[in-house]
Amino acid sequence: MSAQDFTVRVATQRRIDGALVAVGGVDVADGELRVHVGVGHPGAGRPAWLAVGRSLTVPGWGALHVRDVDLAAPGRGLFSFEPEPGRSPAGGARQVGS
C-alpha cells in the first residue's frame, strides 16, 4: 500500500488505517512550524509536538509524517501515512468529530 495524504484540524481526529490520529494544537517554536499529534493505537506512546518534516513511527501500524502545518484558525496538520511493510490495511481515512 502506498502513502496516504490527509489533513486533521485542531481539536478533531481522523481514523487512518485502524488508528485515530488527533491534533491538539499547532504553533511555532524556535522558528519551526509544529503540530501536537497523538495516535490512538497500541504502542503509539504519548502525544508529541512534531515539526514539519518530522515523523512518528508506531510499531504494528506505520509511520506518520508531518508534511505541513497551517496556523490559520482553527489550525491543521497536513500528514502523510505509510503503513508498516507487510501489514494488511484496516481501512481508509475518515474524519471524526467536528
C-alpha atoms as a PDB file:
ATOM      1  CA  MET A   1       0.000   0.000   0.000  1.00  0.00           C
ATOM      2  CA  SER A   2       1.340   3.448  -0.890  1.00  0.00           C
ATOM      3  CA  ALA A   3       1.455   6.579   1.250  1.00  0.00           C
ATOM      4  CA  GLN A   4      -1.836   8.284   2.070  1.00  0.00           C
ATOM      5  CA  ASP A   5      -2.018  12.097   2.436  1.00  0.00           C
ATOM      6  CA  PHE A   6      -4.616  13.756   4.686  1.00  0.00           C
ATOM      7  CA  THR A   7      -5.293  16.731   6.975  1.00  0.00           C
ATOM      8  CA  VAL A   8      -6.590  16.962  10.545  1.00  0.00           C
ATOM      9  CA  ARG A   9      -7.927  20.194  12.078  1.00  0.00           C
ATOM     10  CA  VAL A  10      -7.093  21.188  15.651  1.00  0.00           C
ATOM     11  CA  ALA A  11      -9.411  19.591  18.237  1.00  0.00           C
ATOM     12  CA  THR A  12     -10.521  16.855  15.832  1.00  0.00           C
ATOM     13  CA  GLN A  13      -9.372  13.373  14.986  1.00  0.00           C
ATOM     14  CA  ARG A  14      -9.321  11.222  11.907  1.00  0.00           C
ATOM     15  CA  ARG A  15      -9.340   7.436  11.570  1.00  0.00           C
ATOM     16  CA  ILE A  16      -6.391   6.343   9.442  1.00  0.00           C
ATOM     17  CA  ASP A  17      -5.895   2.668   8.727  1.00  0.00           C
ATOM     18  CA  GLY A  18      -7.436   1.488  12.005  1.00  0.00           C
ATOM     19  CA  ALA A  19      -5.960   4.160  14.312  1.00  0.00           C
ATOM     20  CA  LEU A  20      -7.204   7.579  15.418  1.00  0.00           C
ATOM     21  CA  VAL A  21      -4.895  10.498  14.596  1.00  0.00           C
ATOM     22  CA  ALA A  22      -5.714  13.538  16.770  1.00  0.00           C
ATOM     23  CA  VAL A  23      -4.381  17.088  16.596  1.00  0.00           C
ATOM     24  CA  GLY A  24      -4.359  19.033  19.857  1.00  0.00           C
ATOM     25  CA  GLY A  25      -2.694  22.228  18.654  1.00  0.00           C
ATOM     26  CA  VAL A  26      -0.376  23.996  16.236  1.00  0.00           C
ATOM     27  CA  ASP A  27       2.295  26.613  16.887  1.00  0.00           C
ATOM     28  CA  VAL A  28       5.754  27.937  16.043  1.00  0.00           C
ATOM     29  CA  ALA A  29       8.714  27.119  18.288  1.00  0.00           C
ATOM     30  CA  ASP A  30      12.287  28.227  17.570  1.00  0.00           C
ATOM     31  CA  GLY A  31      11.194  29.205  14.053  1.00  0.00           C
ATOM     32  CA  GLU A  32       9.726  25.780  13.252  1.00  0.00           C
ATOM     33  CA  LEU A  33       6.053  25.131  12.495  1.00  0.00           C
ATOM     34  CA  ARG A  34       4.859  22.214  14.588  1.00  0.00           C
ATOM     35  CA  VAL A  35       1.756  20.214  15.431  1.00  0.00           C
ATOM     36  CA  HIS A  36       0.746  18.423  18.654  1.00  0.00           C
ATOM     37  CA  VAL A  37      -0.352  14.989  17.446  1.00  0.00           C
ATOM     38  CA  GLY A  38      -1.395  11.757  19.083  1.00  0.00           C
ATOM     39  CA  VAL A  39      -2.116   8.355  17.577  1.00  0.00           C
ATOM     40  CA  GLY A  40      -4.687   6.047  19.167  1.00  0.00           C
ATOM     41  CA  HIS A  41      -3.060   2.673  18.561  1.00  0.00           C
ATOM     42  CA  PRO A  42      -1.351   0.156  20.874  1.00  0.00           C
ATOM     43  CA  GLY A  43       2.319   1.042  21.180  1.00  0.00           C
ATOM     44  CA  ALA A  44       1.877   4.621  19.997  1.00  0.00           C
ATOM     45  CA  GLY A  45       3.081   6.247  23.193  1.00  0.00           C
ATOM     46  CA  ARG A  46       2.185   9.759  24.320  1.00  0.00           C
ATOM     47  CA  PRO A  47       1.145  12.648  22.053  1.00  0.00           C
ATOM     48  CA  ALA A  48       4.130  14.664  20.820  1.00  0.00           C
ATOM     49  CA  TRP A  49       4.998  18.005  19.243  1.00  0.00           C
ATOM     50  CA  LEU A  50       6.365  17.308  15.751  1.00  0.00           C
ATOM     51  CA  ALA A  51       7.877  19.894  13.428  1.00  0.00           C
ATOM     52  CA  VAL A  52       7.350  19.918   9.664  1.00  0.00           C
ATOM     53  CA  GLY A  53       9.474  17.172   8.120  1.00  0.00           C
ATOM     54  CA  ARG A  54       9.468  15.011  11.277  1.00  0.00           C
ATOM     55  CA  SER A  55       7.856  11.594  11.661  1.00  0.00           C
ATOM     56  CA  LEU A  56       6.241   9.436  14.306  1.00  0.00           C
ATOM     57  CA  THR A  57       6.695   5.684  13.862  1.00  0.00           C
ATOM     58  CA  VAL A  58       4.202   3.396  15.603  1.00  0.00           C
ATOM     59  CA  PRO A  59       5.149  -0.304  15.753  1.00  0.00           C
ATOM     60  CA  GLY A  60       2.468  -2.500  14.187  1.00  0.00           C
ATOM     61  CA  TRP A  61       0.825   0.445  12.394  1.00  0.00           C
ATOM     62  CA  GLY A  62       3.234   2.563  10.346  1.00  0.00           C
ATOM     63  CA  ALA A  63       4.824   5.998  10.066  1.00  0.00           C
ATOM     64  CA  LEU A  64       3.072   9.362  10.283  1.00  0.00           C
ATOM     65  CA  HIS A  65       4.971  12.182   8.549  1.00  0.00           C
ATOM     66  CA  VAL A  66       4.241  15.881   9.124  1.00  0.00           C
ATOM     67  CA  ARG A  67       4.160  17.497   5.673  1.00  0.00           C
ATOM     68  CA  ASP A  68       2.977  20.989   6.650  1.00  0.00           C
ATOM     69  CA  VAL A  69       1.246  22.980   9.386  1.00  0.00           C
ATOM     70  CA  ASP A  70      -1.456  25.579   8.715  1.00  0.00           C
ATOM     71  CA  LEU A  71      -1.615  28.170  11.515  1.00  0.00           C
ATOM     72  CA  ALA A  72      -4.753  29.896  10.195  1.00  0.00           C
ATOM     73  CA  ALA A  73      -7.652  29.408  12.625  1.00  0.00           C
ATOM     74  CA  PRO A  74      -8.533  26.822  13.707  1.00  0.00           C
ATOM     75  CA  GLY A  75      -5.216  25.360  12.515  1.00  0.00           C
ATOM     76  CA  ARG A  76      -4.483  21.971  10.996  1.00  0.00           C
ATOM     77  CA  GLY A  77      -1.741  19.482  10.329  1.00  0.00           C
ATOM     78  CA  LEU A  78      -1.065  18.051   6.886  1.00  0.00           C
ATOM     79  CA  PHE A  79       0.215  14.490   7.094  1.00  0.00           C
ATOM     80  CA  SER A  80       1.344  11.522   5.063  1.00  0.00           C
ATOM     81  CA  PHE A  81       0.843   7.992   6.401  1.00  0.00           C
ATOM     82  CA  GLU A  82       2.877   4.974   5.326  1.00  0.00           C
ATOM     83  CA  PRO A  83       1.663   1.618   6.656  1.00  0.00           C
ATOM     84  CA  GLU A  84       4.192  -0.737   8.170  1.00  0.00           C
ATOM     85  CA  PRO A  85       5.511  -3.055   5.447  1.00  0.00           C
ATOM     86  CA  GLY A  86       3.723  -6.412   5.329  1.00  0.00           C
ATOM     87  CA  ARG A  87       0.746  -5.258   7.394  1.00  0.00           C
ATOM     88  CA  SER A  88      -2.708  -5.513   5.839  1.00  0.00           C
ATOM     89  CA  PRO A  89      -4.628  -2.190   5.734  1.00  0.00           C
ATOM     90  CA  ALA A  90      -7.560  -1.700   8.127  1.00  0.00           C
ATOM     91  CA  GLY A  91      -9.468   0.914   6.152  1.00  0.00           C
ATOM     92  CA  GLY A  92      -9.192   4.381   4.671  1.00  0.00           C
ATOM     93  CA  ALA A  93      -9.273   7.906   6.053  1.00  0.00           C
ATOM     94  CA  ARG A  94     -12.378   9.193   7.802  1.00  0.00           C
ATOM     95  CA  GLN A  95     -12.944  12.469   9.697  1.00  0.00           C
ATOM     96  CA  VAL A  96     -14.219  12.050  13.274  1.00  0.00           C
ATOM     97  CA  GLY A  97     -15.654  14.974  15.253  1.00  0.00           C
ATOM     98  CA  SER A  98     -16.395  18.487  14.069  1.00  0.00           C
END
